[in-house]
Amino acid sequence: MTRYPTMPKGSAADEIRCEVVFDPMERAEIERAIDAVCAELGLDAILDERRSRIARGIKSTWRDGRRLPLNLVNAGLDAVGA
């Protein structure tokens, strides 16, 4: 995994880039997990608080090294109490 510099606080980063900038392949995997959880819960693709919580849960799990798709999906579901 390639680590890039952290984003400055207060920047206009999107929901995937929060504290650590992920490479494109990592980003794609994280986005797939976020989309899978949102689809399972019937959430639209628009950003709202639930989608943001799902993204934070998945990113946290990714950073912890638990990167299997099932771990990511479980983290996203846990983040919204589903």
N, C-alpha and C. Protein backbone atom coordinates (compact mmCIF):
# COMPACT_ATOMS: atom_id res chain seq x y z
N MET A 1 0.84 -1.17 0.00
CA MET A 1 0.00 0.00 0.00
C MET A 1 0.89 1.23 0.00
N THR A 2 0.57 2.18 -0.82
CA THR A 2 1.30 3.42 -0.90
C THR A 2 0.59 4.46 -0.04
N ARG A 3 1.31 5.08 0.86
CA ARG A 3 0.73 6.15 1.69
C ARG A 3 1.11 7.49 1.10
N TYR A 4 0.13 8.34 0.95
CA TYR A 4 0.35 9.68 0.47
C TYR A 4 0.19 10.64 1.63
N PRO A 5 0.66 11.86 1.50
CA PRO A 5 0.54 12.81 2.61
C PRO A 5 -0.92 13.01 3.00
N THR A 6 -1.13 13.32 4.26
CA THR A 6 -2.49 13.56 4.72
C THR A 6 -3.01 14.87 4.16
N MET A 7 -4.31 14.94 4.04
CA MET A 7 -4.96 16.15 3.54
C MET A 7 -4.95 17.20 4.65
N PRO A 8 -4.76 18.46 4.30
CA PRO A 8 -4.84 19.50 5.32
C PRO A 8 -6.24 19.57 5.90
N LYS A 9 -6.34 19.83 7.20
CA LYS A 9 -7.65 19.93 7.82
C LYS A 9 -8.40 21.12 7.24
N GLY A 10 -9.69 20.90 7.05
CA GLY A 10 -10.52 21.97 6.51
C GLY A 10 -10.50 22.06 4.99
N SER A 11 -9.82 21.14 4.32
CA SER A 11 -9.82 21.19 2.85
C SER A 11 -11.13 20.62 2.33
N ALA A 12 -11.39 20.83 1.07
CA ALA A 12 -12.64 20.36 0.46
C ALA A 12 -12.44 18.94 -0.06
N ALA A 13 -12.06 18.02 0.82
CA ALA A 13 -11.86 16.63 0.42
C ALA A 13 -13.21 15.95 0.30
N ASP A 14 -13.31 14.96 -0.58
CA ASP A 14 -14.56 14.24 -0.73
C ASP A 14 -14.70 13.21 0.38
N GLU A 15 -15.76 12.42 0.35
CA GLU A 15 -16.04 11.51 1.46
C GLU A 15 -15.01 10.41 1.62
N ILE A 16 -14.27 10.05 0.59
CA ILE A 16 -13.28 8.99 0.71
C ILE A 16 -12.00 9.51 1.34
N ARG A 17 -11.55 10.69 0.93
CA ARG A 17 -10.31 11.24 1.45
C ARG A 17 -10.63 12.06 2.68
N CYS A 18 -10.27 11.55 3.83
CA CYS A 18 -10.54 12.26 5.07
C CYS A 18 -9.23 12.61 5.74
N GLU A 19 -8.51 11.61 6.23
CA GLU A 19 -7.24 11.85 6.90
C GLU A 19 -6.09 11.29 6.10
N VAL A 20 -6.30 10.20 5.41
CA VAL A 20 -5.27 9.56 4.61
C VAL A 20 -5.75 9.56 3.17
N VAL A 21 -4.87 9.87 2.26
CA VAL A 21 -5.21 9.83 0.84
C VAL A 21 -4.87 8.44 0.32
N PHE A 22 -5.86 7.77 -0.24
CA PHE A 22 -5.68 6.41 -0.72
C PHE A 22 -5.31 6.44 -2.20
N ASP A 23 -4.57 5.40 -2.63
CA ASP A 23 -4.26 5.33 -4.05
C ASP A 23 -5.53 4.93 -4.82
N PRO A 24 -5.53 5.06 -6.14
CA PRO A 24 -6.76 4.83 -6.91
C PRO A 24 -7.36 3.43 -6.74
N MET A 25 -6.54 2.42 -6.63
CA MET A 25 -7.08 1.06 -6.45
C MET A 25 -7.73 0.91 -5.09
N GLU A 26 -7.11 1.46 -4.05
CA GLU A 26 -7.70 1.40 -2.71
C GLU A 26 -9.01 2.17 -2.69
N ARG A 27 -9.00 3.35 -3.29
CA ARG A 27 -10.21 4.16 -3.37
C ARG A 27 -11.36 3.41 -4.03
N ALA A 28 -11.05 2.72 -5.12
CA ALA A 28 -12.09 1.98 -5.85
C ALA A 28 -12.68 0.88 -4.98
N GLU A 29 -11.84 0.17 -4.25
CA GLU A 29 -12.34 -0.90 -3.36
C GLU A 29 -13.20 -0.32 -2.25
N ILE A 30 -12.77 0.79 -1.68
CA ILE A 30 -13.54 1.42 -0.61
C ILE A 30 -14.88 1.94 -1.15
N GLU A 31 -14.86 2.55 -2.31
CA GLU A 31 -16.10 3.05 -2.92
C GLU A 31 -17.07 1.91 -3.21
N ARG A 32 -16.54 0.76 -3.68
CA ARG A 32 -17.42 -0.40 -3.93
C ARG A 32 -18.08 -0.86 -2.65
N ALA A 33 -17.33 -0.89 -1.55
CA ALA A 33 -17.90 -1.31 -0.27
C ALA A 33 -18.95 -0.32 0.20
N ILE A 34 -18.68 0.97 0.06
CA ILE A 34 -19.66 1.99 0.45
C ILE A 34 -20.93 1.84 -0.38
N ASP A 35 -20.78 1.69 -1.68
CA ASP A 35 -21.94 1.52 -2.57
C ASP A 35 -22.72 0.26 -2.23
N ALA A 36 -22.02 -0.82 -1.89
CA ALA A 36 -22.70 -2.08 -1.54
C ALA A 36 -23.55 -1.92 -0.28
N VAL A 37 -22.99 -1.27 0.72
CA VAL A 37 -23.73 -1.07 1.97
C VAL A 37 -24.93 -0.15 1.72
N CYS A 38 -24.72 0.92 1.00
CA CYS A 38 -25.81 1.85 0.72
C CYS A 38 -26.91 1.17 -0.09
N ALA A 39 -26.53 0.35 -1.06
CA ALA A 39 -27.54 -0.36 -1.86
C ALA A 39 -28.32 -1.34 -0.98
N GLU A 40 -27.62 -2.01 -0.09
CA GLU A 40 -28.29 -2.96 0.81
C GLU A 40 -29.30 -2.25 1.72
N LEU A 41 -28.98 -1.03 2.12
CA LEU A 41 -29.86 -0.28 3.01
C LEU A 41 -30.87 0.58 2.25
N GLY A 42 -30.79 0.58 0.91
CA GLY A 42 -31.72 1.35 0.10
C GLY A 42 -31.45 2.84 0.12
N LEU A 43 -30.19 3.22 0.34
CA LEU A 43 -29.83 4.64 0.35
C LEU A 43 -29.44 5.09 -1.05
N ASP A 44 -29.77 6.32 -1.37
CA ASP A 44 -29.39 6.90 -2.66
C ASP A 44 -27.90 7.17 -2.68
N ALA A 45 -27.40 7.49 -3.86
CA ALA A 45 -25.98 7.80 -4.02
C ALA A 45 -25.63 9.20 -3.53
N ILE A 46 -26.64 9.99 -3.17
CA ILE A 46 -26.36 11.35 -2.71
C ILE A 46 -25.74 11.30 -1.32
N LEU A 47 -24.93 12.30 -1.04
CA LEU A 47 -24.28 12.36 0.26
C LEU A 47 -25.28 12.78 1.33
N ASP A 48 -25.34 12.03 2.39
CA ASP A 48 -26.09 12.42 3.56
C ASP A 48 -25.34 11.90 4.78
N GLU A 49 -25.87 12.14 5.95
CA GLU A 49 -25.17 11.77 7.18
C GLU A 49 -24.95 10.25 7.27
N ARG A 50 -25.94 9.46 6.86
CA ARG A 50 -25.79 8.01 6.94
C ARG A 50 -24.68 7.51 6.03
N ARG A 51 -24.63 8.02 4.81
CA ARG A 51 -23.57 7.61 3.88
C ARG A 51 -22.20 8.04 4.41
N SER A 52 -22.13 9.20 5.02
CA SER A 52 -20.87 9.67 5.60
C SER A 52 -20.42 8.77 6.74
N ARG A 53 -21.36 8.35 7.59
CA ARG A 53 -21.01 7.44 8.69
C ARG A 53 -20.55 6.09 8.15
N ILE A 54 -21.21 5.60 7.11
CA ILE A 54 -20.80 4.34 6.48
C ILE A 54 -19.38 4.48 5.95
N ALA A 55 -19.10 5.58 5.26
CA ALA A 55 -17.76 5.81 4.69
C ALA A 55 -16.71 5.86 5.79
N ARG A 56 -17.00 6.56 6.88
CA ARG A 56 -16.03 6.64 7.99
C ARG A 56 -15.76 5.26 8.59
N GLY A 57 -16.81 4.46 8.77
CA GLY A 57 -16.62 3.12 9.32
C GLY A 57 -15.78 2.24 8.43
N ILE A 58 -16.04 2.30 7.14
CA ILE A 58 -15.29 1.49 6.18
C ILE A 58 -13.84 1.95 6.09
N LYS A 59 -13.62 3.27 6.04
CA LYS A 59 -12.25 3.78 5.98
C LYS A 59 -11.47 3.41 7.22
N SER A 60 -12.11 3.47 8.37
CA SER A 60 -11.43 3.12 9.62
C SER A 60 -11.01 1.65 9.61
N THR A 61 -11.90 0.79 9.16
CA THR A 61 -11.59 -0.63 9.08
C THR A 61 -10.47 -0.87 8.08
N TRP A 62 -10.49 -0.17 6.96
CA TRP A 62 -9.42 -0.30 5.96
C TRP A 62 -8.08 0.08 6.57
N ARG A 63 -8.05 1.21 7.28
CA ARG A 63 -6.80 1.67 7.89
C ARG A 63 -6.30 0.69 8.95
N ASP A 64 -7.23 -0.01 9.62
CA ASP A 64 -6.85 -1.00 10.64
C ASP A 64 -6.29 -2.27 10.02
N GLY A 65 -6.38 -2.40 8.69
CA GLY A 65 -5.82 -3.55 8.00
C GLY A 65 -6.81 -4.67 7.75
N ARG A 66 -8.07 -4.48 8.13
CA ARG A 66 -9.10 -5.50 7.90
C ARG A 66 -9.78 -5.18 6.58
N ARG A 67 -9.19 -5.65 5.47
CA ARG A 67 -9.58 -5.20 4.14
C ARG A 67 -10.38 -6.20 3.32
N LEU A 68 -10.76 -7.30 3.89
CA LEU A 68 -11.63 -8.22 3.16
C LEU A 68 -12.98 -7.56 2.95
N PRO A 69 -13.61 -7.80 1.80
CA PRO A 69 -14.89 -7.15 1.53
C PRO A 69 -15.93 -7.35 2.63
N LEU A 70 -15.99 -8.54 3.21
CA LEU A 70 -16.97 -8.79 4.27
C LEU A 70 -16.70 -7.90 5.48
N ASN A 71 -15.43 -7.72 5.84
CA ASN A 71 -15.09 -6.84 6.96
C ASN A 71 -15.51 -5.40 6.67
N LEU A 72 -15.28 -4.95 5.44
CA LEU A 72 -15.64 -3.59 5.08
C LEU A 72 -17.15 -3.38 5.12
N VAL A 73 -17.89 -4.32 4.58
CA VAL A 73 -19.35 -4.22 4.58
C VAL A 73 -19.88 -4.26 6.01
N ASN A 74 -19.37 -5.16 6.83
CA ASN A 74 -19.80 -5.22 8.23
C ASN A 74 -19.52 -3.91 8.95
N ALA A 75 -18.37 -3.31 8.70
CA ALA A 75 -18.02 -2.05 9.33
C ALA A 75 -19.00 -0.95 8.91
N GLY A 76 -19.36 -0.94 7.63
CA GLY A 76 -20.31 0.05 7.14
C GLY A 76 -21.69 -0.12 7.77
N LEU A 77 -22.14 -1.37 7.88
CA LEU A 77 -23.43 -1.64 8.51
C LEU A 77 -23.40 -1.29 9.99
N ASP A 78 -22.32 -1.62 10.66
CA ASP A 78 -22.18 -1.31 12.09
C ASP A 78 -22.19 0.20 12.32
N ALA A 79 -21.63 0.96 11.39
CA ALA A 79 -21.54 2.41 11.55
C ALA A 79 -22.90 3.08 11.60
N VAL A 80 -23.90 2.45 11.00
CA VAL A 80 -25.25 3.02 11.03
C VAL A 80 -26.21 2.18 11.88
N GLY A 81 -25.67 1.22 12.60
CA GLY A 81 -26.49 0.42 13.49
C GLY A 81 -27.42 -0.56 12.79
N ALA A 82 -27.04 -0.99 11.63
CA ALA A 82 -27.89 -1.94 10.88
C ALA A 82 -27.45 -3.37 11.15
